[in-house]
C-alpha atoms as a PDB file:
ATOM      1  CA  MET A   1      -8.715  -3.412  37.246  1.00  0.00           C
ATOM      2  CA  LYS A   2     -10.026  -1.054  34.509  1.00  0.00           C
ATOM      3  CA  ALA A   3     -12.847  -1.950  31.712  1.00  0.00           C
ATOM      4  CA  LEU A   4     -14.796   0.455  29.444  1.00  0.00           C
ATOM      5  CA  ARG A   5     -18.163  -0.188  29.928  1.00  0.00           C
ATOM      6  CA  SER A   6     -21.696   0.267  27.877  1.00  0.00           C
ATOM      7  CA  HIS A   7     -24.161   1.300  30.801  1.00  0.00           C
ATOM      8  CA  ALA A   8     -26.964   2.212  28.168  1.00  0.00           C
ATOM      9  CA  VAL A   9     -27.811   2.232  24.681  1.00  0.00           C
ATOM     10  CA  GLY A  10     -25.865   4.525  22.465  1.00  0.00           C
ATOM     11  CA  GLY A  11     -22.780   5.358  20.472  1.00  0.00           C
ATOM     12  CA  PRO A  12     -19.054   5.337  21.363  1.00  0.00           C
ATOM     13  CA  GLU A  13     -19.116   8.325  23.614  1.00  0.00           C
ATOM     14  CA  THR A  14     -21.740   6.806  26.176  1.00  0.00           C
ATOM     15  CA  LEU A  15     -18.899   4.411  27.157  1.00  0.00           C
ATOM     16  CA  THR A  16     -17.427   4.506  30.558  1.00  0.00           C
ATOM     17  CA  LEU A  17     -14.011   3.760  32.035  1.00  0.00           C
ATOM     18  CA  ASP A  18     -14.901   1.574  35.381  1.00  0.00           C
ATOM     19  CA  GLU A  19     -12.637   0.269  38.015  1.00  0.00           C
ATOM     20  CA  LEU A  20     -13.783  -3.266  38.685  1.00  0.00           C
ATOM     21  CA  GLU A  21     -12.729  -6.118  41.071  1.00  0.00           C
ATOM     22  CA  SER A  22     -10.318  -8.694  39.403  1.00  0.00           C
ATOM     23  CA  PRO A  23     -12.766 -11.440  38.013  1.00  0.00           C
ATOM     24  CA  VAL A  24     -12.141 -15.384  39.669  1.00  0.00           C
ATOM     25  CA  PRO A  25     -11.972 -18.281  37.135  1.00  0.00           C
ATOM     26  CA  GLY A  26     -14.422 -20.477  37.696  1.00  0.00           C
ATOM     27  CA  PRO A  27     -14.627 -24.209  36.381  1.00  0.00           C
ATOM     28  CA  GLY A  28     -13.176 -24.182  32.518  1.00  0.00           C
ATOM     29  CA  GLN A  29     -12.258 -20.705  32.823  1.00  0.00           C
ATOM     30  CA  VAL A  30      -8.907 -18.582  32.626  1.00  0.00           C
ATOM     31  CA  ARG A  31      -8.376 -15.191  33.623  1.00  0.00           C
ATOM     32  CA  LEU A  32      -6.713 -13.120  30.679  1.00  0.00           C
ATOM     33  CA  LYS A  33      -4.705 -10.418  31.167  1.00  0.00           C
ATOM     34  CA  VAL A  34      -5.506  -8.488  28.034  1.00  0.00           C
ATOM     35  CA  LYS A  35      -2.388  -7.082  26.250  1.00  0.00           C
ATOM     36  CA  ALA A  36      -4.594  -6.169  22.841  1.00  0.00           C
ATOM     37  CA  CYS A  37      -8.112  -5.804  22.007  1.00  0.00           C
ATOM     38  CA  SER A  38      -8.971  -5.682  18.278  1.00  0.00           C
ATOM     39  CA  ILE A  39     -11.872  -3.618  17.333  1.00  0.00           C
ATOM     40  CA  ASN A  40     -14.683  -4.825  14.830  1.00  0.00           C
ATOM     41  CA  PHE A  41     -17.751  -3.327  13.160  1.00  0.00           C
ATOM     42  CA  PRO A  42     -19.836  -5.724  15.681  1.00  0.00           C
ATOM     43  CA  ASP A  43     -18.302  -3.264  18.692  1.00  0.00           C
ATOM     44  CA  VAL A  44     -20.182  -0.440  16.666  1.00  0.00           C
ATOM     45  CA  LEU A  45     -23.407  -2.503  16.788  1.00  0.00           C
ATOM     46  CA  ILE A  46     -23.628  -4.080  20.114  1.00  0.00           C
ATOM     47  CA  ILE A  47     -23.195  -0.951  22.126  1.00  0.00           C
ATOM     48  CA  GLN A  48     -26.255   0.425  20.387  1.00  0.00           C
ATOM     49  CA  ASP A  49     -28.214  -2.967  20.765  1.00  0.00           C
ATOM     50  CA  MET A  50     -28.230  -3.630  17.039  1.00  0.00           C
ATOM     51  CA  TYR A  51     -26.144  -6.620  16.749  1.00  0.00           C
ATOM     52  CA  GLN A  52     -27.473 -10.389  17.102  1.00  0.00           C
ATOM     53  CA  PHE A  53     -26.413 -10.855  20.569  1.00  0.00           C
ATOM     54  CA  LYS A  54     -27.471  -8.272  23.199  1.00  0.00           C
ATOM     55  CA  PRO A  55     -25.570  -8.649  26.419  1.00  0.00           C
ATOM     56  CA  GLU A  56     -26.780  -7.734  29.820  1.00  0.00           C
ATOM     57  CA  ARG A  57     -25.473  -4.045  30.623  1.00  0.00           C
ATOM     58  CA  PRO A  58     -23.291  -3.085  31.940  1.00  0.00           C
ATOM     59  CA  PHE A  59     -20.913  -4.796  29.430  1.00  0.00           C
ATOM     60  CA  ALA A  60     -17.520  -4.036  27.829  1.00  0.00           C
ATOM     61  CA  PRO A  61     -17.473  -4.429  24.133  1.00  0.00           C
ATOM     62  CA  GLY A  62     -14.546  -6.212  22.604  1.00  0.00           C
ATOM     63  CA  GLY A  63     -14.870  -9.468  20.455  1.00  0.00           C
ATOM     64  CA  GLU A  64     -11.466 -10.680  20.218  1.00  0.00           C
ATOM     65  CA  ALA A  65      -7.987 -10.378  22.465  1.00  0.00           C
ATOM     66  CA  SER A  66      -4.627 -11.460  23.001  1.00  0.00           C
ATOM     67  CA  GLY A  67      -2.942 -11.365  26.314  1.00  0.00           C
ATOM     68  CA  ILE A  68      -1.172 -13.498  29.034  1.00  0.00           C
ATOM     69  CA  VAL A  69      -2.904 -16.329  31.224  1.00  0.00           C
ATOM     70  CA  ASP A  70      -3.399 -14.869  34.521  1.00  0.00           C
ATOM     71  CA  ALA A  71      -5.205 -17.433  36.594  1.00  0.00           C
ATOM     72  CA  VAL A  72      -7.107 -21.061  35.653  1.00  0.00           C
ATOM     73  CA  GLY A  73      -9.903 -22.533  36.697  1.00  0.00           C
ATOM     74  CA  ILE A  74      -9.066 -25.608  38.632  1.00  0.00           C
ATOM     75  CA  ASP A  75     -10.286 -28.165  36.156  1.00  0.00           C
ATOM     76  CA  VAL A  76      -8.352 -26.459  33.557  1.00  0.00           C
ATOM     77  CA  THR A  77      -5.523 -28.166  32.666  1.00  0.00           C
ATOM     78  CA  GLU A  78      -4.615 -27.244  28.813  1.00  0.00           C
ATOM     79  CA  TRP A  79      -3.318 -23.903  29.985  1.00  0.00           C
ATOM     80  CA  ASN A  80      -1.049 -22.315  32.415  1.00  0.00           C
ATOM     81  CA  VAL A  81      -0.207 -19.190  33.682  1.00  0.00           C
ATOM     82  CA  GLY A  82       2.038 -17.216  31.576  1.00  0.00           C
ATOM     83  CA  ASP A  83       0.872 -18.662  28.085  1.00  0.00           C
ATOM     84  CA  ARG A  84       0.749 -16.186  25.629  1.00  0.00           C
ATOM     85  CA  VAL A  85      -2.951 -16.669  24.120  1.00  0.00           C
ATOM     86  CA  ILE A  86      -5.317 -15.270  21.674  1.00  0.00           C
ATOM     87  CA  ALA A  87      -8.861 -15.294  22.998  1.00  0.00           C
ATOM     88  CA  SER A  88     -12.095 -15.110  20.733  1.00  0.00           C
ATOM     89  CA  THR A  89     -14.534 -13.485  23.676  1.00  0.00           C
ATOM     90  CA  GLY A  90     -17.616 -12.414  21.891  1.00  0.00           C
ATOM     91  CA  HIS A  91     -17.716  -9.056  23.909  1.00  0.00           C
ATOM     92  CA  GLY A  92     -15.985  -7.870  27.341  1.00  0.00           C
ATOM     93  CA  ALA A  93     -12.230  -7.864  25.778  1.00  0.00           C
ATOM     94  CA  LEU A  94     -11.925  -3.965  26.243  1.00  0.00           C
ATOM     95  CA  SER A  95     -10.997  -4.702  29.703  1.00  0.00           C
ATOM     96  CA  GLU A  96      -7.602  -5.302  31.693  1.00  0.00           C
ATOM     97  CA  GLU A  97      -8.832  -8.655  32.541  1.00  0.00           C
ATOM     98  CA  ILE A  98     -11.345 -10.739  31.185  1.00  0.00           C
ATOM     99  CA  LEU A  99     -12.606 -14.435  31.840  1.00  0.00           C
ATOM    100  CA  VAL A 100     -12.663 -16.776  28.784  1.00  0.00           C
ATOM    101  CA  ASP A 101     -13.753 -20.169  28.606  1.00  0.00           C
ATOM    102  CA  ALA A 102     -10.616 -22.342  27.838  1.00  0.00           C
ATOM    103  CA  ALA A 103     -11.975 -23.868  24.553  1.00  0.00           C
ATOM    104  CA  ARG A 104     -12.057 -20.258  23.299  1.00  0.00           C
ATOM    105  CA  LEU A 105      -8.323 -19.884  23.477  1.00  0.00           C
ATOM    106  CA  TRP A 106      -5.461 -20.545  21.004  1.00  0.00           C
ATOM    107  CA  PRO A 107      -1.805 -20.233  21.446  1.00  0.00           C
ATOM    108  CA  LEU A 108      -0.257 -16.950  20.311  1.00  0.00           C
ATOM    109  CA  PRO A 109       2.383 -18.085  17.762  1.00  0.00           C
ATOM    110  CA  GLU A 110       5.957 -17.449  18.809  1.00  0.00           C
ATOM    111  CA  GLY A 111       7.438 -14.098  17.376  1.00  0.00           C
ATOM    112  CA  VAL A 112       3.737 -12.709  16.898  1.00  0.00           C
ATOM    113  CA  SER A 113       2.738  -9.610  18.617  1.00  0.00           C
ATOM    114  CA  PHE A 114       0.372  -9.113  20.849  1.00  0.00           C
ATOM    115  CA  GLU A 115      -1.283  -6.473  18.610  1.00  0.00           C
ATOM    116  CA  THR A 116      -1.110  -8.576  15.506  1.00  0.00           C
ATOM    117  CA  GLY A 117      -2.599 -11.922  17.475  1.00  0.00           C
ATOM    118  CA  ALA A 118      -5.664  -9.500  18.610  1.00  0.00           C
ATOM    119  CA  ALA A 119      -6.307  -8.726  14.961  1.00  0.00           C
ATOM    120  CA  LEU A 120      -6.011 -12.365  13.100  1.00  0.00           C
ATOM    121  CA  ILE A 121      -9.045 -14.472  14.724  1.00  0.00           C
ATOM    122  CA  LEU A 122     -12.136 -12.379  13.787  1.00  0.00           C
ATOM    123  CA  THR A 123     -11.448 -11.109  10.411  1.00  0.00           C
ATOM    124  CA  TYR A 124      -9.669 -14.038   8.725  1.00  0.00           C
ATOM    125  CA  GLY A 125     -11.622 -16.886  10.669  1.00  0.00           C
ATOM    126  CA  THR A 126     -14.690 -15.028   9.101  1.00  0.00           C
ATOM    127  CA  ASN A 127     -13.343 -14.939   5.817  1.00  0.00           C
ATOM    128  CA  MET A 128     -11.766 -18.644   5.924  1.00  0.00           C
ATOM    129  CA  HIS A 129     -15.365 -20.191   6.265  1.00  0.00           C
ATOM    130  CA  GLY A 130     -17.025 -17.270   4.042  1.00  0.00           C
ATOM    131  CA  LEU A 131     -14.665 -17.945   1.161  1.00  0.00           C
ATOM    132  CA  LEU A 132     -14.158 -21.808   1.340  1.00  0.00           C
ATOM    133  CA  ASP A 133     -17.178 -22.925   3.068  1.00  0.00           C
ATOM    134  CA  ARG A 134     -19.700 -20.355   1.674  1.00  0.00           C
ATOM    135  CA  GLY A 135     -18.285 -19.076  -1.522  1.00  0.00           C
ATOM    136  CA  LYS A 136     -16.400 -22.480  -2.305  1.00  0.00           C
ATOM    137  CA  LEU A 137     -13.612 -20.225  -3.648  1.00  0.00           C
ATOM    138  CA  LYS A 138     -11.150 -22.059  -5.768  1.00  0.00           C
ATOM    139  CA  ALA A 139      -7.660 -21.148  -7.756  1.00  0.00           C
ATOM    140  CA  GLY A 140      -8.231 -19.384 -10.909  1.00  0.00           C
ATOM    141  CA  ASP A 141     -11.667 -17.636  -9.938  1.00  0.00           C
ATOM    142  CA  THR A 142     -12.335 -14.311 -10.336  1.00  0.00           C
ATOM    143  CA  LEU A 143     -13.178 -12.764  -6.640  1.00  0.00           C
ATOM    144  CA  LEU A 144     -14.881  -9.409  -6.088  1.00  0.00           C
ATOM    145  CA  VAL A 145     -14.675  -7.947  -2.778  1.00  0.00           C
ATOM    146  CA  LEU A 146     -17.078  -4.854  -1.634  1.00  0.00           C
ATOM    147  CA  GLY A 147     -15.581  -2.715   1.301  1.00  0.00           C
ATOM    148  CA  ALA A 148     -11.727  -4.123   0.335  1.00  0.00           C
ATOM    149  CA  ALA A 149      -9.936  -1.736   2.620  1.00  0.00           C
ATOM    150  CA  GLY A 150     -11.413  -2.830   6.370  1.00  0.00           C
ATOM    151  CA  GLY A 151     -10.350  -5.343   8.466  1.00  0.00           C
ATOM    152  CA  VAL A 152     -12.725  -8.050   7.255  1.00  0.00           C
ATOM    153  CA  GLY A 153     -11.902  -6.561   3.332  1.00  0.00           C
ATOM    154  CA  LEU A 154      -7.999  -6.681   3.494  1.00  0.00           C
ATOM    155  CA  SER A 155      -8.008 -10.016   4.963  1.00  0.00           C
ATOM    156  CA  ALA A 156     -10.319 -11.371   2.314  1.00  0.00           C
ATOM    157  CA  VAL A 157      -8.102  -9.859  -0.064  1.00  0.00           C
ATOM    158  CA  GLU A 158      -5.196 -11.703   1.187  1.00  0.00           C
ATOM    159  CA  LEU A 159      -6.839 -14.871   1.758  1.00  0.00           C
ATOM    160  CA  GLY A 160      -8.006 -14.601  -2.011  1.00  0.00           C
ATOM    161  CA  LYS A 161      -4.688 -14.313  -3.369  1.00  0.00           C
ATOM    162  CA  ALA A 162      -3.252 -16.927  -1.173  1.00  0.00           C
ATOM    163  CA  TYR A 163      -5.716 -19.443  -2.502  1.00  0.00           C
ATOM    164  CA  GLY A 164      -4.921 -18.333  -6.254  1.00  0.00           C
ATOM    165  CA  ALA A 165      -8.016 -16.352  -6.997  1.00  0.00           C
ATOM    166  CA  ARG A 166      -7.642 -13.359  -9.261  1.00  0.00           C
ATOM    167  CA  VAL A 167      -8.809 -10.371  -6.564  1.00  0.00           C
ATOM    168  CA  VAL A 168     -10.778  -7.405  -7.679  1.00  0.00           C
ATOM    169  CA  ALA A 169     -11.115  -5.193  -4.789  1.00  0.00           C
ATOM    170  CA  ALA A 170     -13.864  -2.335  -4.372  1.00  0.00           C
ATOM    171  CA  VAL A 171     -13.389   0.548  -2.299  1.00  0.00           C
ATOM    172  CA  SER A 172     -14.561   4.107  -1.518  1.00  0.00           C
ATOM    173  CA  SER A 173     -11.375   6.202  -1.901  1.00  0.00           C
ATOM    174  CA  GLU A 174      -7.898   6.329  -3.698  1.00  0.00           C
ATOM    175  CA  GLU A 175      -6.220   6.075  -0.233  1.00  0.00           C
ATOM    176  CA  LYS A 176      -7.770   2.877   0.045  1.00  0.00           C
ATOM    177  CA  ALA A 177      -6.952   1.815  -3.396  1.00  0.00           C
ATOM    178  CA  GLU A 178      -3.528   1.995  -2.398  1.00  0.00           C
ATOM    179  CA  ALA A 179      -3.928  -0.136   0.344  1.00  0.00           C
ATOM    180  CA  VAL A 180      -5.552  -2.761  -1.268  1.00  0.00           C
ATOM    181  CA  ARG A 181      -3.119  -2.833  -4.265  1.00  0.00           C
ATOM    182  CA  ALA A 182      -0.125  -3.447  -1.307  1.00  0.00           C
ATOM    183  CA  ALA A 183      -2.481  -6.334  -0.235  1.00  0.00           C
ATOM    184  CA  GLY A 184      -2.207  -8.182  -3.618  1.00  0.00           C
ATOM    185  CA  ALA A 185      -5.564  -6.786  -5.453  1.00  0.00           C
ATOM    186  CA  ASP A 186      -5.520  -7.415  -9.307  1.00  0.00           C
ATOM    187  CA  GLU A 187      -7.939  -4.750 -10.211  1.00  0.00           C
ATOM    188  CA  VAL A 188      -9.468  -2.365  -7.784  1.00  0.00           C
ATOM    189  CA  VAL A 189     -12.821  -0.278  -8.580  1.00  0.00           C
ATOM    190  CA  VAL A 190     -13.223   2.935  -6.438  1.00  0.00           C
ATOM    191  CA  TYR A 191     -17.015   3.553  -5.863  1.00  0.00           C
ATOM    192  CA  PRO A 192     -19.020   6.874  -5.006  1.00  0.00           C
ATOM    193  CA  ARG A 193     -20.474   7.429  -1.665  1.00  0.00           C
ATOM    194  CA  ALA A 194     -24.250   6.300  -1.330  1.00  0.00           C
ATOM    195  CA  PRO A 195     -27.073   6.658  -1.888  1.00  0.00           C
ATOM    196  CA  LEU A 196     -26.397   6.081  -5.532  1.00  0.00           C
ATOM    197  CA  ASP A 197     -29.063   7.089  -7.921  1.00  0.00           C
ATOM    198  CA  LYS A 198     -30.179   4.556 -11.012  1.00  0.00           C
ATOM    199  CA  ASP A 199     -27.323   6.117 -13.467  1.00  0.00           C
ATOM    200  CA  GLN A 200     -24.693   5.868 -10.871  1.00  0.00           C
ATOM    201  CA  SER A 201     -25.633   2.296  -9.864  1.00  0.00           C
ATOM    202  CA  LYS A 202     -25.815   1.163 -13.607  1.00  0.00           C
ATOM    203  CA  ALA A 203     -22.320   2.824 -14.207  1.00  0.00           C
ATOM    204  CA  LEU A 204     -21.066   1.062 -11.045  1.00  0.00           C
ATOM    205  CA  ALA A 205     -22.344  -2.448 -12.544  1.00  0.00           C
ATOM    206  CA  GLU A 206     -20.436  -1.613 -15.595  1.00  0.00           C
ATOM    207  CA  ALA A 207     -17.169  -1.014 -13.744  1.00  0.00           C
ATOM    208  CA  PHE A 208     -17.464  -4.007 -11.766  1.00  0.00           C
ATOM    209  CA  LYS A 209     -18.337  -6.011 -15.195  1.00  0.00           C
ATOM    210  CA  ALA A 210     -14.926  -4.221 -16.605  1.00  0.00           C
ATOM    211  CA  ALA A 211     -12.838  -5.202 -13.552  1.00  0.00           C
ATOM    212  CA  CYS A 212     -13.931  -8.713 -13.618  1.00  0.00           C
ATOM    213  CA  GLY A 213     -13.914  -9.238 -17.412  1.00  0.00           C
ATOM    214  CA  PRO A 214     -16.169 -10.962 -19.725  1.00  0.00           C
ATOM    215  CA  GLY A 215     -16.837 -14.256 -17.470  1.00  0.00           C
ATOM    216  CA  GLY A 216     -18.095 -12.116 -14.023  1.00  0.00           C
ATOM    217  CA  ALA A 217     -17.007 -12.926 -10.632  1.00  0.00           C
ATOM    218  CA  ASN A 218     -17.095 -16.082  -9.570  1.00  0.00           C
ATOM    219  CA  VAL A 219     -17.575 -15.263  -5.916  1.00  0.00           C
ATOM    220  CA  VAL A 220     -18.874 -11.410  -4.723  1.00  0.00           C
ATOM    221  CA  TYR A 221     -17.617 -10.841  -1.123  1.00  0.00           C
ATOM    222  CA  ASP A 222     -20.401  -8.506  -0.055  1.00  0.00           C
ATOM    223  CA  ILE A 223     -19.158  -6.844   3.530  1.00  0.00           C
ATOM    224  CA  ILE A 224     -20.969  -3.374   3.010  1.00  0.00           C
ATOM    225  CA  GLY A 225     -24.705  -3.948   1.255  1.00  0.00           C
ATOM    226  CA  GLY A 226     -26.451  -1.123   0.877  1.00  0.00           C
ATOM    227  CA  ASP A 227     -26.602   0.314  -2.686  1.00  0.00           C
ATOM    228  CA  TYR A 228     -23.592  -1.697  -3.868  1.00  0.00           C
ATOM    229  CA  SER A 229     -25.215  -4.937  -3.789  1.00  0.00           C
ATOM    230  CA  GLU A 230     -27.361  -4.940  -6.889  1.00  0.00           C
ATOM    231  CA  PRO A 231     -24.600  -3.639  -8.776  1.00  0.00           C
ATOM    232  CA  ALA A 232     -22.233  -6.352  -8.175  1.00  0.00           C
ATOM    233  CA  VAL A 233     -24.600  -9.195  -8.727  1.00  0.00           C
ATOM    234  CA  ARG A 234     -25.100  -7.721 -12.038  1.00  0.00           C
ATOM    235  CA  SER A 235     -21.416  -8.444 -12.382  1.00  0.00           C
ATOM    236  CA  ILE A 236     -21.745 -11.936 -11.179  1.00  0.00           C
ATOM    237  CA  ALA A 237     -20.545 -15.085 -13.424  1.00  0.00           C
ATOM    238  CA  TRP A 238     -23.032 -17.893 -14.365  1.00  0.00           C
ATOM    239  CA  GLU A 239     -23.372 -20.184 -11.354  1.00  0.00           C
ATOM    240  CA  GLY A 240     -21.448 -17.819  -9.393  1.00  0.00           C
ATOM    241  CA  ARG A 241     -21.949 -17.392  -5.404  1.00  0.00           C
ATOM    242  CA  PHE A 242     -22.593 -14.088  -3.641  1.00  0.00           C
ATOM    243  CA  CYS A 243     -21.844 -14.263  -0.148  1.00  0.00           C
ATOM    244  CA  VAL A 244     -23.553 -11.748   2.251  1.00  0.00           C
ATOM    245  CA  VAL A 245     -21.007 -10.767   4.861  1.00  0.00           C
ATOM    246  CA  GLY A 246     -21.895  -7.563   6.456  1.00  0.00           C
ATOM    247  CA  PHE A 247     -24.053  -4.410   6.162  1.00  0.00           C
ATOM    248  CA  THR A 248     -21.692  -1.316   7.288  1.00  0.00           C
ATOM    249  CA  ALA A 249     -23.550   0.620   4.239  1.00  0.00           C
ATOM    250  CA  GLY A 250     -27.299  -0.743   5.168  1.00  0.00           C
ATOM    251  CA  ILE A 251     -29.336  -4.039   4.542  1.00  0.00           C
ATOM    252  CA  ALA A 252     -29.519  -4.288   0.369  1.00  0.00           C
ATOM    253  CA  ARG A 253     -32.673  -5.082  -1.165  1.00  0.00           C
ATOM    254  CA  LEU A 254     -32.226  -7.258  -4.239  1.00  0.00           C
ATOM    255  CA  PRO A 255     -34.210  -7.830  -7.259  1.00  0.00           C
ATOM    256  CA  LEU A 256     -34.230 -11.955  -7.263  1.00  0.00           C
ATOM    257  CA  ASN A 257     -34.790 -12.100 -10.988  1.00  0.00           C
ATOM    258  CA  LEU A 258     -31.154 -11.418 -11.402  1.00  0.00           C
ATOM    259  CA  THR A 259     -30.233 -14.457  -9.172  1.00  0.00           C
ATOM    260  CA  LEU A 260     -32.664 -16.592 -11.882  1.00  0.00           C
ATOM    261  CA  LEU A 261     -30.789 -14.908 -14.765  1.00  0.00           C
ATOM    262  CA  LYS A 262     -27.385 -15.514 -13.544  1.00  0.00           C
ATOM    263  CA  SER A 263     -28.060 -18.789 -11.961  1.00  0.00           C
ATOM    264  CA  CYS A 264     -26.463 -18.015  -8.912  1.00  0.00           C
ATOM    265  CA  ASP A 265     -26.440 -18.706  -5.595  1.00  0.00           C
ATOM    266  CA  VAL A 266     -26.858 -16.407  -2.433  1.00  0.00           C
ATOM    267  CA  ALA A 267     -24.990 -17.529   0.706  1.00  0.00           C
ATOM    268  CA  GLY A 268     -24.803 -15.833   4.078  1.00  0.00           C
ATOM    269  CA  VAL A 269     -21.748 -15.975   6.283  1.00  0.00           C
ATOM    270  CA  PHE A 270     -22.135 -16.069  10.112  1.00  0.00           C
ATOM    271  CA  TRP A 271     -18.704 -17.226  11.266  1.00  0.00           C
ATOM    272  CA  GLY A 272     -19.888 -16.939  15.133  1.00  0.00           C
ATOM    273  CA  ALA A 273     -22.813 -19.363  14.833  1.00  0.00           C
ATOM    274  CA  PHE A 274     -20.332 -21.670  12.381  1.00  0.00           C
ATOM    275  CA  ALA A 275     -17.882 -21.746  15.042  1.00  0.00           C
ATOM    276  CA  ALA A 276     -20.388 -22.636  17.762  1.00  0.00           C
ATOM    277  CA  ARG A 277     -22.066 -25.176  15.791  1.00  0.00           C
ATOM    278  CA  GLU A 278     -18.922 -26.691  14.113  1.00  0.00           C
ATOM    279  CA  PRO A 279     -15.626 -26.341  16.167  1.00  0.00           C
ATOM    280  CA  GLN A 280     -13.736 -28.852  14.808  1.00  0.00           C
ATOM    281  CA  ALA A 281     -14.205 -27.357  11.265  1.00  0.00           C
ATOM    282  CA  ASN A 282     -13.410 -23.949  12.613  1.00  0.00           C
ATOM    283  CA  ALA A 283     -10.287 -25.167  14.783  1.00  0.00           C
ATOM    284  CA  ALA A 284      -8.991 -26.682  11.174  1.00  0.00           C
ATOM    285  CA  HIS A 285      -9.512 -23.175   9.679  1.00  0.00           C
ATOM    286  CA  ILE A 286      -7.586 -21.395  12.581  1.00  0.00           C
ATOM    287  CA  ALA A 287      -4.720 -23.635  12.105  1.00  0.00           C
ATOM    288  CA  LYS A 288      -4.475 -23.176   8.915  1.00  0.00           C
ATOM    289  CA  LEU A 289      -4.503 -19.269   9.300  1.00  0.00           C
ATOM    290  CA  PHE A 290      -1.460 -20.116  11.387  1.00  0.00           C
ATOM    291  CA  GLU A 291       0.454 -21.841   8.861  1.00  0.00           C
ATOM    292  CA  LEU A 292      -0.503 -18.890   6.277  1.00  0.00           C
ATOM    293  CA  LEU A 293       0.880 -16.452   8.828  1.00  0.00           C
ATOM    294  CA  LYS A 294       3.933 -18.413   9.425  1.00  0.00           C
ATOM    295  CA  GLU A 295       4.208 -18.549   5.556  1.00  0.00           C
ATOM    296  CA  HIS A 296       4.171 -14.934   5.317  1.00  0.00           C
ATOM    297  CA  LYS A 297       0.798 -15.186   3.305  1.00  0.00           C
ATOM    298  CA  ILE A 298      -1.319 -12.791   5.621  1.00  0.00           C
ATOM    299  CA  ASN A 299      -0.273 -10.157   7.762  1.00  0.00           C
ATOM    300  CA  PRO A 300      -2.801  -7.830   9.382  1.00  0.00           C
ATOM    301  CA  ARG A 301      -2.448  -4.584   8.450  1.00  0.00           C
ATOM    302  CA  ILE A 302      -2.825  -2.445  11.679  1.00  0.00           C
ATOM    303  CA  SER A 303      -3.445   1.246  10.648  1.00  0.00           C
ATOM    304  CA  ALA A 304      -4.268   2.762  14.332  1.00  0.00           C
ATOM    305  CA  THR A 305      -3.697   1.816  17.906  1.00  0.00           C
ATOM    306  CA  PHE A 306      -5.391   3.527  20.922  1.00  0.00           C
ATOM    307  CA  PRO A 307      -5.124   3.256  24.821  1.00  0.00           C
ATOM    308  CA  LEU A 308      -7.864   1.708  26.526  1.00  0.00           C
ATOM    309  CA  GLU A 309      -8.987   4.823  27.752  1.00  0.00           C
ATOM    310  CA  ARG A 310      -9.616   6.537  24.240  1.00  0.00           C
ATOM    311  CA  GLY A 311     -11.319   2.839  23.350  1.00  0.00           C
ATOM    312  CA  GLY A 312     -14.616   4.822  22.167  1.00  0.00           C
ATOM    313  CA  GLU A 313     -12.510   6.814  19.543  1.00  0.00           C
ATOM    314  CA  ALA A 314     -11.306   3.350  18.188  1.00  0.00           C
ATOM    315  CA  ILE A 315     -14.849   2.164  17.493  1.00  0.00           C
ATOM    316  CA  GLN A 316     -15.999   5.592  16.270  1.00  0.00           C
ATOM    317  CA  MET A 317     -13.187   5.360  13.475  1.00  0.00           C
ATOM    318  CA  LEU A 318     -15.138   2.201  12.424  1.00  0.00           C
ATOM    319  CA  ALA A 319     -18.373   3.540  12.513  1.00  0.00           C
ATOM    320  CA  ASP A 320     -17.075   6.695  10.579  1.00  0.00           C
ATOM    321  CA  ARG A 321     -15.558   4.245   8.048  1.00  0.00           C
ATOM    322  CA  LYS A 322     -12.384   5.835   8.257  1.00  0.00           C
ATOM    323  CA  ALA A 323     -10.486   2.583   9.033  1.00  0.00           C
ATOM    324  CA  ILE A 324      -8.020   0.945   7.005  1.00  0.00           C
ATOM    325  CA  GLY A 325      -7.203  -2.469   7.915  1.00  0.00           C
ATOM    326  CA  LYS A 326      -7.398  -3.261  11.746  1.00  0.00           C
ATOM    327  CA  VAL A 327      -7.879  -0.606  14.573  1.00  0.00           C
ATOM    328  CA  VAL A 328      -6.240  -1.852  18.186  1.00  0.00           C
ATOM    329  CA  VAL A 329      -6.744  -1.217  21.765  1.00  0.00           C
ATOM    330  CA  THR A 330      -3.794  -1.560  24.073  1.00  0.00           C
ATOM    331  CA  MET A 331      -3.362  -1.995  27.445  1.00  0.00           C
ATOM    332  CA  GLY A 332      -0.492  -0.788  29.411  1.00  0.00           C
ATOM    333  CA  ASP A 333       1.731  -3.153  32.018  1.00  0.00           C
END
């Protein structure tokens, strides 16, 4: 079987397509014949040793996948060969076959494609935790999403609407603005490319305030950080919640006096740790996601697909911030 692996620290161009023996499942494991692997921003970071987890090399990136159970460990009773499943892998899914702990699988809902299944758990799971547990989002709230056109951003827009919020989506281009409007955004702010000078930062804060309305944003969902975080905090409501989700534009430095003046909370969103520490709560979120998918209240937008041998291009697309929605790598039969 083939796997696209990292042998040295570097960008997507350093990945190599390796031929390997099929892995044998041990106790509590299944072997998954991967059909699709969704690419996420952690895949950009993990091959550069910039992510929270640093796997021993060589390793394949790829944190979520869908496919067919191909073999099971001797003590696995809840899954059978031939089952169609979604897998949360952390890394390793840019492979034709991968071993996965049985507890990290979910059944792929009937009628859902492998591509859609692979694009579901990490982004929507992150946002169920981020919006509901950390952001305390409720119906009638105003939600400001920064970086709203990426995989995490678009799913946050969808979930915000599904839970009755008024959604303001902030994006970097008119093309991305069209995508977030199609996902249900009520208002859109197109921000300039960083770095932002003082006047640009002030103008962006005013644009956020105008879009959010006189009450401000009850929840700011910051996926990008960098120079965009401070203007967003300036538009937050009294006792609002500022959710720190990601840093695609760099790690922000917030003037903490703003949190005092707004009496707002700053909440970190680390879905991977939450899922590991509170598996029952995470499972309840995932079950709800499947309900929302069945009700057509969410639907992952897949803007590009690549074959395994071009998986590095898929990762580069995210690194260049060119992706709208999800990017998926598919495996041949």
